[in-house]
Amino acid sequence: MAPATAKRASQKTAPKKGTKVTKKFIINASQPANDKIFDVTAFEKFLHDRIKVEGRTGNLGDTIQISQQGDGKIEVIAHQEFSGRYLKYLTKKFLKKQQLRDWLRVVSTSKGVYELRFFNVVNDEADEDED
């Protein structure tokens, strides 16, 4: 039984150095951008300045490309291992810096797609009326 588990463990290893990995992420901020409370170009510049490649910021080169896709969408294409959680972390950091973290949240709608949504505050007002 031990050789079978060793075989399965070797199948789950990372891709070899020679293989090229391409990952595509989309951050959809169209809802707050249409309400004019979120600056998409400032967020794109923030990502350019803050994304780390091999432990250094400002080292994007050809490995990571960040582009704006019209109506409040930002597309990040990485030609190396890149974590979507890291992108979510940086988005939350930008929201905190712009003091928007109390009104907006980052939600993953599908694999590789993140969306900025408003918190739902309609129920809170009804609770206050009852008191």
Protein backbone atom coordinates (compact mmCIF):
# COMPACT_ATOMS: atom_id res chain seq x y z
CA MET A 1 0.00 0.00 0.00
CA ALA A 2 2.89 2.39 0.62
CA PRO A 3 4.12 2.38 -3.03
CA ALA A 4 0.65 3.36 -4.29
CA THR A 5 0.47 6.40 -2.01
CA ALA A 6 3.97 7.44 -3.04
CA LYS A 7 2.91 7.27 -6.69
CA ARG A 8 -0.14 9.47 -6.06
CA ALA A 9 1.91 12.03 -4.17
CA SER A 10 4.32 12.39 -7.08
CA GLN A 11 1.45 13.08 -9.49
CA LYS A 12 0.36 16.16 -7.53
CA THR A 13 3.68 17.97 -7.80
CA ALA A 14 4.02 21.41 -9.35
CA PRO A 15 4.60 21.79 -13.09
CA LYS A 16 8.16 21.33 -14.24
CA LYS A 17 10.38 24.36 -14.77
CA GLY A 18 10.24 24.00 -18.57
CA THR A 19 6.44 24.23 -18.77
CA LYS A 20 4.85 27.62 -19.22
CA VAL A 21 1.95 28.49 -16.92
CA THR A 22 -0.49 31.22 -17.92
CA LYS A 23 -3.16 32.40 -15.52
CA LYS A 24 -5.79 35.03 -16.21
CA PHE A 25 -7.56 37.01 -13.50
CA ILE A 26 -10.30 39.62 -13.85
CA ILE A 27 -11.28 42.16 -11.22
CA ASN A 28 -14.72 43.56 -11.96
CA ALA A 29 -15.20 46.97 -10.33
CA SER A 30 -17.86 48.23 -12.73
CA GLN A 31 -20.58 48.70 -10.09
CA PRO A 32 -18.63 51.12 -7.81
CA ALA A 33 -16.92 52.71 -10.84
CA ASN A 34 -20.31 53.60 -12.35
CA ASP A 35 -21.26 55.26 -9.04
CA LYS A 36 -18.05 57.33 -9.28
CA ILE A 37 -16.64 56.21 -5.92
CA PHE A 38 -13.91 53.90 -7.27
CA ASP A 39 -11.05 55.09 -9.50
CA VAL A 40 -10.07 52.21 -11.80
CA THR A 41 -6.97 53.89 -13.23
CA ALA A 42 -5.61 54.57 -9.73
CA PHE A 43 -6.23 50.93 -8.84
CA GLU A 44 -4.41 49.77 -11.99
CA LYS A 45 -1.41 51.95 -11.07
CA PHE A 46 -1.54 50.59 -7.50
CA LEU A 47 -1.31 47.03 -8.85
CA HIS A 48 1.60 47.99 -11.13
CA ASP A 49 3.45 49.44 -8.15
CA ARG A 50 2.65 46.76 -5.56
CA ILE A 51 2.69 43.33 -7.25
CA LYS A 52 5.81 41.44 -6.27
CA VAL A 53 7.66 39.16 -8.67
CA GLU A 54 10.44 37.05 -7.15
CA GLY A 55 10.21 39.07 -3.94
CA ARG A 56 10.64 42.51 -5.51
CA THR A 57 8.11 45.18 -6.42
CA GLY A 58 8.41 46.94 -9.77
CA ASN A 59 9.76 43.75 -11.33
CA LEU A 60 6.78 42.84 -13.56
CA GLY A 61 8.59 42.67 -16.90
CA ASP A 62 6.87 40.42 -19.43
CA THR A 63 5.75 37.87 -16.81
CA ILE A 64 2.73 39.84 -15.55
CA GLN A 65 0.55 42.14 -17.67
CA ILE A 66 -2.10 44.42 -16.19
CA SER A 67 -4.63 46.09 -18.47
CA GLN A 68 -7.93 47.91 -18.16
CA GLN A 69 -10.85 46.31 -20.00
CA GLY A 70 -13.34 49.14 -20.44
CA ASP A 71 -16.26 49.63 -18.03
CA GLY A 72 -14.39 49.12 -14.74
CA LYS A 73 -12.72 45.77 -15.37
CA ILE A 74 -9.02 45.06 -14.83
CA GLU A 75 -7.37 42.01 -16.35
CA VAL A 76 -4.19 40.50 -14.92
CA ILE A 77 -2.38 37.92 -17.04
CA ALA A 78 0.48 36.06 -15.36
CA HIS A 79 2.91 33.86 -17.27
CA GLN A 80 4.19 32.29 -14.06
CA GLU A 81 2.73 30.93 -10.83
CA PHE A 82 0.47 33.64 -9.41
CA SER A 83 -2.12 33.46 -6.65
CA GLY A 84 -5.60 34.88 -6.91
CA ARG A 85 -5.62 35.29 -3.15
CA TYR A 86 -2.67 37.67 -3.50
CA LEU A 87 -4.70 39.75 -5.95
CA LYS A 88 -7.62 39.77 -3.52
CA TYR A 89 -5.27 40.83 -0.71
CA LEU A 90 -3.93 43.74 -2.76
CA THR A 91 -7.47 44.80 -3.73
CA LYS A 92 -8.50 44.87 -0.06
CA LYS A 93 -5.36 46.85 0.75
CA PHE A 94 -6.26 49.43 -1.92
CA LEU A 95 -9.82 49.72 -0.59
CA LYS A 96 -8.48 50.30 2.93
CA LYS A 97 -6.09 52.98 1.66
CA GLN A 98 -8.94 54.76 -0.16
CA GLN A 99 -11.21 54.38 2.93
CA LEU A 100 -13.72 52.34 0.93
CA ARG A 101 -13.36 49.11 2.92
CA ASP A 102 -16.47 49.91 5.00
CA TRP A 103 -18.69 50.02 1.90
CA LEU A 104 -17.12 47.58 -0.56
CA ARG A 105 -16.09 43.94 -0.38
CA VAL A 106 -14.21 41.61 -2.73
CA VAL A 107 -16.14 38.50 -3.78
CA SER A 108 -14.93 35.67 -5.98
CA THR A 109 -17.74 34.99 -8.46
CA SER A 110 -15.95 32.19 -10.34
CA LYS A 111 -12.43 30.85 -10.74
CA GLY A 112 -10.11 33.74 -11.53
CA VAL A 113 -12.89 36.38 -11.41
CA TYR A 114 -13.23 38.79 -8.50
CA GLU A 115 -15.97 41.38 -8.14
CA LEU A 116 -16.26 44.47 -5.97
CA ARG A 117 -19.70 44.64 -4.38
CA PHE A 118 -21.42 46.97 -1.97
CA PHE A 119 -22.32 45.68 1.47
CA ASN A 120 -26.06 45.10 1.83
CA VAL A 121 -27.24 47.66 4.42
CA VAL A 122 -31.00 47.62 3.72
CA ASN A 123 -31.79 45.25 6.63
CA ASP A 124 -29.92 47.40 9.17
CA GLU A 125 -32.27 50.35 8.68
CA ALA A 126 -35.35 48.18 9.32
CA ASP A 127 -33.84 46.88 12.57
CA GLU A 128 -33.24 50.43 13.83
CA ASP A 129 -36.89 51.41 13.22
CA GLU A 130 -38.12 48.58 15.44
CA ASP A 131 -36.12 49.77 18.47
